[in-house]
Amino acid sequence: MYLKKTAALALTVLVLSGTAFLSCKRREEPKDVAQGGGGFTLKPGILSVGMEIGYPPMEYYDADGKTPIGFDVELAKAVAAKMGLKVQFEDTSWDGIFAGVETGKYDCVMSSVTITEARLAAHNFSRPYVGNALAMVLLKGSPVKARSPEECAGLGVSYQAETTSDIFMERLANEGLQFTPYEYEKVMNCFDEMKLSRVDVIITDLLVAQDYVAPADSPFEIVWQGPADEKFGVCLKKGNDALTAEINKALDALFADGTMLKLSMEIFKLDMVSSVR
């Protein structure tokens, strides 16, 4: 009887242990599924992308005011497809876009983000995907004689706040250049204000400037462009090395199969990508 009781007890313990093990295993399985994207993204099956949708030709709304279009939009779709994911865009103001990726509002930022030493110290970045420069824009027929930012003393200079244009003009101001700064939340505001003759000069990315001067009836002209030493990359939360590696793999594949050059020629009408590889 004692042996039978002992055997029965042992069997009960084994059954309970096995049940507990299976129960634990079941509790762990949804965790893996919930992570999605191979465990790399915040939501299952989705790459969520922070983007300031008001920066043509990189990211802006179509005529319906609802559909995002532009280079970064198409790039995000292509990167997500290479990773086997769908893409979800989060329209975010530029002044809060980096905080959003750090606090987990979205997986990454694809929004014409120039890779700088300060940003590299605070965030992860993919390898670059676009080469860019700054440009100076005037109204056609403007009485302004300046043909470089350094010659803008006494002028009203507009640019988007907290961008590389802002950093560039702040550096010139620190070096002694005296001008009136007009900082706007969106780059489109700069061009709208210039049409109304409220600002004299616009400093912006060359890619943006070219988009505005391209139409035959454009009232704008580019009078200066800087060296092509800016590079755009995908920005991620500091330490998110796994997703950074996956995005780099996707970008490498898009360069290799010609997708990057195709997008550049379709949207920019010139090759703005090959120089970064």
C-alpha atoms as a PDB file:
ATOM      1  CA  MET A   1       0.000   0.000   0.000  1.00  0.00           C
ATOM      2  CA  TYR A   2       2.793   2.437   0.858  1.00  0.00           C
ATOM      3  CA  LEU A   3       4.497   1.726  -2.484  1.00  0.00           C
ATOM      4  CA  LYS A   4       1.214   2.174  -4.347  1.00  0.00           C
ATOM      5  CA  LYS A   5       0.590   5.490  -2.579  1.00  0.00           C
ATOM      6  CA  THR A   6       4.147   6.621  -3.338  1.00  0.00           C
ATOM      7  CA  ALA A   7       3.825   5.670  -6.980  1.00  0.00           C
ATOM      8  CA  ALA A   8       0.465   7.405  -7.207  1.00  0.00           C
ATOM      9  CA  LEU A   9       1.897  10.522  -5.592  1.00  0.00           C
ATOM     10  CA  ALA A  10       4.858  10.536  -7.966  1.00  0.00           C
ATOM     11  CA  LEU A  11       2.530  10.162 -10.931  1.00  0.00           C
ATOM     12  CA  THR A  12       0.389  13.035  -9.669  1.00  0.00           C
ATOM     13  CA  VAL A  13       3.470  15.254  -9.284  1.00  0.00           C
ATOM     14  CA  LEU A  14       4.618  14.404 -12.809  1.00  0.00           C
ATOM     15  CA  VAL A  15       1.183  15.149 -14.242  1.00  0.00           C
ATOM     16  CA  LEU A  16       0.944  18.437 -12.373  1.00  0.00           C
ATOM     17  CA  SER A  17       4.499  19.387 -13.374  1.00  0.00           C
ATOM     18  CA  GLY A  18       3.738  18.593 -16.986  1.00  0.00           C
ATOM     19  CA  THR A  19       0.529  20.590 -16.832  1.00  0.00           C
ATOM     20  CA  ALA A  20       2.381  23.532 -15.291  1.00  0.00           C
ATOM     21  CA  PHE A  21       5.047  23.283 -17.967  1.00  0.00           C
ATOM     22  CA  LEU A  22       2.475  23.244 -20.748  1.00  0.00           C
ATOM     23  CA  SER A  23       0.612  26.058 -19.070  1.00  0.00           C
ATOM     24  CA  CYS A  24       3.789  28.137 -18.880  1.00  0.00           C
ATOM     25  CA  LYS A  25       4.560  27.350 -22.491  1.00  0.00           C
ATOM     26  CA  ARG A  26       1.101  28.470 -23.567  1.00  0.00           C
ATOM     27  CA  ARG A  27       1.531  31.753 -21.682  1.00  0.00           C
ATOM     28  CA  GLU A  28       4.839  32.417 -23.463  1.00  0.00           C
ATOM     29  CA  GLU A  29       3.608  31.739 -27.000  1.00  0.00           C
ATOM     30  CA  PRO A  30       1.349  34.810 -27.326  1.00  0.00           C
ATOM     31  CA  LYS A  31       4.307  36.967 -26.225  1.00  0.00           C
ATOM     32  CA  ASP A  32       6.293  35.926 -29.305  1.00  0.00           C
ATOM     33  CA  VAL A  33       3.306  36.394 -31.596  1.00  0.00           C
ATOM     34  CA  ALA A  34       2.464  39.790 -30.109  1.00  0.00           C
ATOM     35  CA  GLN A  35       5.905  41.153 -30.870  1.00  0.00           C
ATOM     36  CA  GLY A  36       5.397  40.591 -34.601  1.00  0.00           C
ATOM     37  CA  GLY A  37       7.922  41.220 -37.337  1.00  0.00           C
ATOM     38  CA  GLY A  38      10.134  38.461 -36.019  1.00  0.00           C
ATOM     39  CA  GLY A  39      10.117  40.217 -32.641  1.00  0.00           C
ATOM     40  CA  PHE A  40      11.604  43.398 -34.114  1.00  0.00           C
ATOM     41  CA  THR A  41       8.570  45.713 -34.277  1.00  0.00           C
ATOM     42  CA  LEU A  42       6.160  47.167 -31.738  1.00  0.00           C
ATOM     43  CA  LYS A  43       3.028  45.747 -33.391  1.00  0.00           C
ATOM     44  CA  PRO A  44       2.534  42.331 -35.004  1.00  0.00           C
ATOM     45  CA  GLY A  45       3.108  42.408 -38.743  1.00  0.00           C
ATOM     46  CA  ILE A  46       3.506  46.192 -38.876  1.00  0.00           C
ATOM     47  CA  LEU A  47       6.407  48.585 -39.283  1.00  0.00           C
ATOM     48  CA  SER A  48       5.213  51.860 -37.736  1.00  0.00           C
ATOM     49  CA  VAL A  49       6.940  54.915 -39.161  1.00  0.00           C
ATOM     50  CA  GLY A  50       7.053  58.413 -37.676  1.00  0.00           C
ATOM     51  CA  MET A  51       6.930  61.059 -40.390  1.00  0.00           C
ATOM     52  CA  GLU A  52       6.342  64.808 -40.626  1.00  0.00           C
ATOM     53  CA  ILE A  53       4.043  64.694 -43.646  1.00  0.00           C
ATOM     54  CA  GLY A  54       4.535  68.169 -45.038  1.00  0.00           C
ATOM     55  CA  TYR A  55       7.923  68.110 -46.738  1.00  0.00           C
ATOM     56  CA  PRO A  56       7.569  67.630 -50.517  1.00  0.00           C
ATOM     57  CA  PRO A  57       8.896  65.776 -52.423  1.00  0.00           C
ATOM     58  CA  MET A  58       9.959  63.561 -49.520  1.00  0.00           C
ATOM     59  CA  GLU A  59       6.671  63.200 -47.640  1.00  0.00           C
ATOM     60  CA  TYR A  60       3.414  65.082 -48.148  1.00  0.00           C
ATOM     61  CA  TYR A  61      -0.306  64.516 -48.706  1.00  0.00           C
ATOM     62  CA  ASP A  62      -1.827  63.901 -52.108  1.00  0.00           C
ATOM     63  CA  ALA A  63      -4.561  66.177 -53.454  1.00  0.00           C
ATOM     64  CA  ASP A  64      -7.137  64.333 -51.334  1.00  0.00           C
ATOM     65  CA  GLY A  65      -5.400  65.584 -48.186  1.00  0.00           C
ATOM     66  CA  LYS A  66      -5.375  62.058 -46.735  1.00  0.00           C
ATOM     67  CA  THR A  67      -2.979  59.872 -48.739  1.00  0.00           C
ATOM     68  CA  PRO A  68       0.748  60.209 -47.925  1.00  0.00           C
ATOM     69  CA  ILE A  69       3.006  60.303 -50.986  1.00  0.00           C
ATOM     70  CA  GLY A  70       6.664  61.112 -51.687  1.00  0.00           C
ATOM     71  CA  PHE A  71      10.070  59.460 -51.644  1.00  0.00           C
ATOM     72  CA  ASP A  72      10.180  58.511 -47.958  1.00  0.00           C
ATOM     73  CA  VAL A  73       6.636  57.170 -48.176  1.00  0.00           C
ATOM     74  CA  GLU A  74       7.525  54.856 -51.064  1.00  0.00           C
ATOM     75  CA  LEU A  75      10.776  53.900 -49.352  1.00  0.00           C
ATOM     76  CA  ALA A  76       8.965  52.966 -46.133  1.00  0.00           C
ATOM     77  CA  LYS A  77       6.551  50.772 -48.090  1.00  0.00           C
ATOM     78  CA  ALA A  78       9.437  49.070 -49.897  1.00  0.00           C
ATOM     79  CA  VAL A  79      11.444  48.502 -46.702  1.00  0.00           C
ATOM     80  CA  ALA A  80       8.413  47.041 -44.935  1.00  0.00           C
ATOM     81  CA  ALA A  81       7.707  44.752 -47.907  1.00  0.00           C
ATOM     82  CA  LYS A  82      11.282  43.440 -47.840  1.00  0.00           C
ATOM     83  CA  MET A  83      10.777  42.640 -44.143  1.00  0.00           C
ATOM     84  CA  GLY A  84       7.455  40.910 -44.813  1.00  0.00           C
ATOM     85  CA  LEU A  85       5.509  43.623 -42.991  1.00  0.00           C
ATOM     86  CA  LYS A  86       2.844  46.219 -43.684  1.00  0.00           C
ATOM     87  CA  VAL A  87       3.638  49.872 -43.044  1.00  0.00           C
ATOM     88  CA  GLN A  88       1.744  52.278 -40.784  1.00  0.00           C
ATOM     89  CA  PHE A  89       2.466  56.015 -40.920  1.00  0.00           C
ATOM     90  CA  GLU A  90       2.284  58.268 -37.872  1.00  0.00           C
ATOM     91  CA  ASP A  91       2.081  61.937 -38.914  1.00  0.00           C
ATOM     92  CA  THR A  92       4.134  63.747 -36.281  1.00  0.00           C
ATOM     93  CA  SER A  93       5.295  67.336 -35.871  1.00  0.00           C
ATOM     94  CA  TRP A  94       9.022  67.694 -36.435  1.00  0.00           C
ATOM     95  CA  ASP A  95       9.730  69.162 -32.999  1.00  0.00           C
ATOM     96  CA  GLY A  96       8.522  65.955 -31.334  1.00  0.00           C
ATOM     97  CA  ILE A  97       9.491  63.356 -33.892  1.00  0.00           C
ATOM     98  CA  PHE A  98      12.658  62.082 -32.174  1.00  0.00           C
ATOM     99  CA  ALA A  99      11.018  61.904 -28.748  1.00  0.00           C
ATOM    100  CA  GLY A 100       8.314  59.770 -30.333  1.00  0.00           C
ATOM    101  CA  VAL A 101      10.698  57.042 -31.429  1.00  0.00           C
ATOM    102  CA  GLU A 102      12.434  57.056 -28.035  1.00  0.00           C
ATOM    103  CA  THR A 103       9.145  56.631 -26.143  1.00  0.00           C
ATOM    104  CA  GLY A 104       7.861  53.848 -28.386  1.00  0.00           C
ATOM    105  CA  LYS A 105       5.155  55.686 -30.338  1.00  0.00           C
ATOM    106  CA  TYR A 106       6.533  54.120 -33.527  1.00  0.00           C
ATOM    107  CA  ASP A 107       9.369  51.836 -34.599  1.00  0.00           C
ATOM    108  CA  CYS A 108      11.429  54.327 -36.569  1.00  0.00           C
ATOM    109  CA  VAL A 109      11.529  57.727 -38.254  1.00  0.00           C
ATOM    110  CA  MET A 110      11.780  57.983 -42.058  1.00  0.00           C
ATOM    111  CA  SER A 111      11.393  61.692 -42.641  1.00  0.00           C
ATOM    112  CA  SER A 112      14.406  63.219 -44.401  1.00  0.00           C
ATOM    113  CA  VAL A 113      16.501  62.876 -41.250  1.00  0.00           C
ATOM    114  CA  THR A 114      20.064  64.056 -41.790  1.00  0.00           C
ATOM    115  CA  ILE A 115      22.616  61.906 -39.979  1.00  0.00           C
ATOM    116  CA  THR A 116      24.635  64.147 -37.654  1.00  0.00           C
ATOM    117  CA  GLU A 117      27.092  63.452 -34.836  1.00  0.00           C
ATOM    118  CA  ALA A 118      24.640  64.784 -32.252  1.00  0.00           C
ATOM    119  CA  ARG A 119      21.820  62.582 -33.541  1.00  0.00           C
ATOM    120  CA  LEU A 120      24.093  59.538 -33.721  1.00  0.00           C
ATOM    121  CA  ALA A 121      24.903  60.036 -30.051  1.00  0.00           C
ATOM    122  CA  ALA A 122      21.221  60.020 -29.126  1.00  0.00           C
ATOM    123  CA  HIS A 123      19.727  57.502 -31.579  1.00  0.00           C
ATOM    124  CA  ASN A 124      20.418  54.482 -33.752  1.00  0.00           C
ATOM    125  CA  PHE A 125      20.637  55.085 -37.504  1.00  0.00           C
ATOM    126  CA  SER A 126      20.503  52.910 -40.568  1.00  0.00           C
ATOM    127  CA  ARG A 127      23.088  53.240 -43.277  1.00  0.00           C
ATOM    128  CA  PRO A 128      22.357  56.339 -45.443  1.00  0.00           C
ATOM    129  CA  TYR A 129      19.916  56.112 -48.335  1.00  0.00           C
ATOM    130  CA  VAL A 130      19.981  59.635 -49.887  1.00  0.00           C
ATOM    131  CA  GLY A 131      22.705  62.226 -50.431  1.00  0.00           C
ATOM    132  CA  ASN A 132      21.657  65.861 -50.097  1.00  0.00           C
ATOM    133  CA  ALA A 133      22.849  69.473 -49.829  1.00  0.00           C
ATOM    134  CA  LEU A 134      21.442  72.801 -48.699  1.00  0.00           C
ATOM    135  CA  ALA A 135      20.125  75.354 -51.179  1.00  0.00           C
ATOM    136  CA  MET A 136      19.251  79.049 -51.148  1.00  0.00           C
ATOM    137  CA  VAL A 137      16.018  80.106 -52.879  1.00  0.00           C
ATOM    138  CA  LEU A 138      14.806  83.544 -54.017  1.00  0.00           C
ATOM    139  CA  LEU A 139      11.770  84.818 -55.874  1.00  0.00           C
ATOM    140  CA  LYS A 140      12.451  85.281 -59.566  1.00  0.00           C
ATOM    141  CA  GLY A 141      13.150  88.938 -60.187  1.00  0.00           C
ATOM    142  CA  SER A 142      13.879  89.570 -56.509  1.00  0.00           C
ATOM    143  CA  PRO A 143      15.882  92.729 -55.757  1.00  0.00           C
ATOM    144  CA  VAL A 144      17.989  90.675 -53.324  1.00  0.00           C
ATOM    145  CA  LYS A 145      21.608  90.661 -54.516  1.00  0.00           C
ATOM    146  CA  ALA A 146      22.873  87.953 -52.144  1.00  0.00           C
ATOM    147  CA  ARG A 147      23.997  84.768 -53.852  1.00  0.00           C
ATOM    148  CA  SER A 148      25.066  82.793 -50.794  1.00  0.00           C
ATOM    149  CA  PRO A 149      23.888  82.505 -47.180  1.00  0.00           C
ATOM    150  CA  GLU A 150      27.006  84.356 -46.022  1.00  0.00           C
ATOM    151  CA  GLU A 151      25.787  87.417 -47.966  1.00  0.00           C
ATOM    152  CA  CYS A 152      22.376  87.560 -46.270  1.00  0.00           C
ATOM    153  CA  ALA A 153      23.192  90.333 -43.782  1.00  0.00           C
ATOM    154  CA  GLY A 154      20.136  92.483 -43.134  1.00  0.00           C
ATOM    155  CA  LEU A 155      17.759  90.096 -44.903  1.00  0.00           C
ATOM    156  CA  GLY A 156      14.801  88.051 -43.677  1.00  0.00           C
ATOM    157  CA  VAL A 157      15.878  84.429 -43.904  1.00  0.00           C
ATOM    158  CA  SER A 158      13.309  81.643 -43.545  1.00  0.00           C
ATOM    159  CA  TYR A 159      13.797  77.947 -42.847  1.00  0.00           C
ATOM    160  CA  GLN A 160      12.119  75.064 -41.061  1.00  0.00           C
ATOM    161  CA  ALA A 161      12.824  75.051 -37.345  1.00  0.00           C
ATOM    162  CA  GLU A 162      15.076  72.379 -35.826  1.00  0.00           C
ATOM    163  CA  THR A 163      16.404  71.167 -39.184  1.00  0.00           C
ATOM    164  CA  THR A 164      19.894  71.250 -40.660  1.00  0.00           C
ATOM    165  CA  SER A 165      18.958  74.558 -42.297  1.00  0.00           C
ATOM    166  CA  ASP A 166      18.257  75.932 -38.824  1.00  0.00           C
ATOM    167  CA  ILE A 167      21.571  74.558 -37.530  1.00  0.00           C
ATOM    168  CA  PHE A 168      23.419  76.030 -40.525  1.00  0.00           C
ATOM    169  CA  MET A 169      21.975  79.527 -40.119  1.00  0.00           C
ATOM    170  CA  GLU A 170      22.498  79.437 -36.357  1.00  0.00           C
ATOM    171  CA  ARG A 171      26.173  78.726 -36.988  1.00  0.00           C
ATOM    172  CA  LEU A 172      26.424  81.720 -39.328  1.00  0.00           C
ATOM    173  CA  ALA A 173      24.686  83.893 -36.716  1.00  0.00           C
ATOM    174  CA  ASN A 174      27.207  82.746 -34.092  1.00  0.00           C
ATOM    175  CA  GLU A 175      29.970  83.717 -36.498  1.00  0.00           C
ATOM    176  CA  GLY A 176      28.588  87.253 -36.671  1.00  0.00           C
ATOM    177  CA  LEU A 177      26.111  87.264 -39.588  1.00  0.00           C
ATOM    178  CA  GLN A 178      23.216  89.562 -38.712  1.00  0.00           C
ATOM    179  CA  PHE A 179      19.894  88.679 -40.339  1.00  0.00           C
ATOM    180  CA  THR A 180      16.254  88.348 -39.311  1.00  0.00           C
ATOM    181  CA  PRO A 181      15.361  84.663 -38.792  1.00  0.00           C
ATOM    182  CA  TYR A 182      11.924  83.359 -39.720  1.00  0.00           C
ATOM    183  CA  GLU A 183      11.493  79.836 -38.370  1.00  0.00           C
ATOM    184  CA  TYR A 184       8.452  77.848 -39.494  1.00  0.00           C
ATOM    185  CA  GLU A 185       6.986  74.537 -38.388  1.00  0.00           C
ATOM    186  CA  LYS A 186       6.729  73.277 -41.976  1.00  0.00           C
ATOM    187  CA  VAL A 187       8.916  74.063 -44.970  1.00  0.00           C
ATOM    188  CA  MET A 188       5.807  74.771 -47.059  1.00  0.00           C
ATOM    189  CA  ASN A 189       5.207  77.834 -44.872  1.00  0.00           C
ATOM    190  CA  CYS A 190       8.536  79.287 -46.023  1.00  0.00           C
ATOM    191  CA  PHE A 191       7.505  79.170 -49.676  1.00  0.00           C
ATOM    192  CA  ASP A 192       4.014  80.492 -48.941  1.00  0.00           C
ATOM    193  CA  GLU A 193       5.499  83.446 -47.058  1.00  0.00           C
ATOM    194  CA  MET A 194       7.969  84.172 -49.855  1.00  0.00           C
ATOM    195  CA  LYS A 195       5.122  84.342 -52.376  1.00  0.00           C
ATOM    196  CA  LEU A 196       3.637  87.072 -50.176  1.00  0.00           C
ATOM    197  CA  SER A 197       7.034  88.846 -50.026  1.00  0.00           C
ATOM    198  CA  ARG A 198       7.187  88.449 -46.266  1.00  0.00           C
ATOM    199  CA  VAL A 199      10.650  86.858 -46.357  1.00  0.00           C
ATOM    200  CA  ASP A 200      13.630  87.533 -48.602  1.00  0.00           C
ATOM    201  CA  VAL A 201      15.443  84.203 -48.630  1.00  0.00           C
ATOM    202  CA  ILE A 202      14.721  80.513 -48.040  1.00  0.00           C
ATOM    203  CA  ILE A 203      17.372  78.053 -46.883  1.00  0.00           C
ATOM    204  CA  THR A 204      16.258  74.454 -47.325  1.00  0.00           C
ATOM    205  CA  ASP A 205      17.279  71.031 -48.595  1.00  0.00           C
ATOM    206  CA  LEU A 206      18.257  70.956 -52.265  1.00  0.00           C
ATOM    207  CA  LEU A 207      15.764  68.148 -52.881  1.00  0.00           C
ATOM    208  CA  VAL A 208      12.942  70.336 -51.574  1.00  0.00           C
ATOM    209  CA  ALA A 209      14.147  73.403 -53.463  1.00  0.00           C
ATOM    210  CA  GLN A 210      14.344  71.504 -56.745  1.00  0.00           C
ATOM    211  CA  ASP A 211      10.780  70.305 -56.310  1.00  0.00           C
ATOM    212  CA  TYR A 212       9.554  73.874 -55.917  1.00  0.00           C
ATOM    213  CA  VAL A 213      11.533  75.352 -58.831  1.00  0.00           C
ATOM    214  CA  ALA A 214      10.797  72.494 -61.266  1.00  0.00           C
ATOM    215  CA  PRO A 215       7.367  73.608 -62.568  1.00  0.00           C
ATOM    216  CA  ALA A 216       7.577  75.837 -65.653  1.00  0.00           C
ATOM    217  CA  ASP A 217       5.476  78.508 -63.932  1.00  0.00           C
ATOM    218  CA  SER A 218       7.418  78.377 -60.649  1.00  0.00           C
ATOM    219  CA  PRO A 219       8.025  81.836 -59.111  1.00  0.00           C
ATOM    220  CA  PHE A 220      11.157  80.521 -57.367  1.00  0.00           C
ATOM    221  CA  GLU A 221      14.791  80.036 -58.340  1.00  0.00           C
ATOM    222  CA  ILE A 222      17.814  78.401 -56.726  1.00  0.00           C
ATOM    223  CA  VAL A 223      20.738  80.827 -56.523  1.00  0.00           C
ATOM    224  CA  TRP A 224      23.137  78.763 -54.393  1.00  0.00           C
ATOM    225  CA  GLN A 225      23.663  75.193 -53.327  1.00  0.00           C
ATOM    226  CA  GLY A 226      26.119  73.847 -50.802  1.00  0.00           C
ATOM    227  CA  PRO A 227      28.317  70.758 -50.978  1.00  0.00           C
ATOM    228  CA  ALA A 228      26.515  67.408 -51.109  1.00  0.00           C
ATOM    229  CA  ASP A 229      27.697  66.360 -47.674  1.00  0.00           C
ATOM    230  CA  GLU A 230      24.335  65.593 -46.046  1.00  0.00           C
ATOM    231  CA  LYS A 231      23.069  62.038 -45.836  1.00  0.00           C
ATOM    232  CA  PHE A 232      19.587  60.878 -44.852  1.00  0.00           C
ATOM    233  CA  GLY A 233      19.069  57.750 -42.757  1.00  0.00           C
ATOM    234  CA  VAL A 234      16.360  55.881 -40.874  1.00  0.00           C
ATOM    235  CA  CYS A 235      16.335  56.925 -37.208  1.00  0.00           C
ATOM    236  CA  LEU A 236      15.579  54.392 -34.451  1.00  0.00           C
ATOM    237  CA  LYS A 237      15.568  54.218 -30.676  1.00  0.00           C
ATOM    238  CA  LYS A 238      19.043  54.119 -29.164  1.00  0.00           C
ATOM    239  CA  GLY A 239      20.079  50.514 -28.614  1.00  0.00           C
ATOM    240  CA  ASN A 240      17.468  49.012 -30.979  1.00  0.00           C
ATOM    241  CA  ASP A 241      20.192  47.123 -32.831  1.00  0.00           C
ATOM    242  CA  ALA A 242      18.003  44.222 -33.960  1.00  0.00           C
ATOM    243  CA  LEU A 243      15.548  46.376 -35.933  1.00  0.00           C
ATOM    244  CA  THR A 244      18.402  48.556 -37.207  1.00  0.00           C
ATOM    245  CA  ALA A 245      20.075  45.466 -38.671  1.00  0.00           C
ATOM    246  CA  GLU A 246      16.827  44.324 -40.313  1.00  0.00           C
ATOM    247  CA  ILE A 247      16.237  47.742 -41.886  1.00  0.00           C
ATOM    248  CA  ASN A 248      19.827  47.790 -43.156  1.00  0.00           C
ATOM    249  CA  LYS A 249      19.263  44.386 -44.776  1.00  0.00           C
ATOM    250  CA  ALA A 250      16.129  45.721 -46.469  1.00  0.00           C
ATOM    251  CA  LEU A 251      17.908  48.852 -47.689  1.00  0.00           C
ATOM    252  CA  ASP A 252      20.830  46.797 -49.016  1.00  0.00           C
ATOM    253  CA  ALA A 253      18.381  44.653 -50.970  1.00  0.00           C
ATOM    254  CA  LEU A 254      16.596  47.723 -52.380  1.00  0.00           C
ATOM    255  CA  PHE A 255      19.900  49.184 -53.568  1.00  0.00           C
ATOM    256  CA  ALA A 256      20.955  45.839 -55.046  1.00  0.00           C
ATOM    257  CA  ASP A 257      17.748  45.242 -57.022  1.00  0.00           C
ATOM    258  CA  GLY A 258      17.635  48.802 -58.420  1.00  0.00           C
ATOM    259  CA  THR A 259      14.570  49.941 -56.495  1.00  0.00           C
ATOM    260  CA  MET A 260      16.379  52.884 -54.859  1.00  0.00           C
ATOM    261  CA  LEU A 261      17.620  54.314 -58.157  1.00  0.00           C
ATOM    262  CA  LYS A 262      14.209  53.787 -59.740  1.00  0.00           C
ATOM    263  CA  LEU A 263      12.475  55.704 -56.927  1.00  0.00           C
ATOM    264  CA  SER A 264      15.043  58.502 -57.138  1.00  0.00           C
ATOM    265  CA  MET A 265      14.599  58.937 -60.888  1.00  0.00           C
ATOM    266  CA  GLU A 266      10.806  58.788 -60.654  1.00  0.00           C
ATOM    267  CA  ILE A 267      10.494  61.316 -57.839  1.00  0.00           C
ATOM    268  CA  PHE A 268      13.579  63.545 -58.051  1.00  0.00           C
ATOM    269  CA  LYS A 269      14.249  63.137 -61.795  1.00  0.00           C
ATOM    270  CA  LEU A 270      17.914  62.590 -60.927  1.00  0.00           C
ATOM    271  CA  ASP A 271      20.131  60.124 -59.053  1.00  0.00           C
ATOM    272  CA  MET A 272      20.321  61.203 -55.397  1.00  0.00           C
ATOM    273  CA  VAL A 273      21.044  57.754 -53.969  1.00  0.00           C
ATOM    274  CA  SER A 274      24.086  56.180 -55.634  1.00  0.00           C
ATOM    275  CA  SER A 275      26.548  58.581 -54.031  1.00  0.00           C
ATOM    276  CA  VAL A 276      25.878  57.167 -50.550  1.00  0.00           C
ATOM    277  CA  ARG A 277      26.900  53.629 -51.519  1.00  0.00           C
END
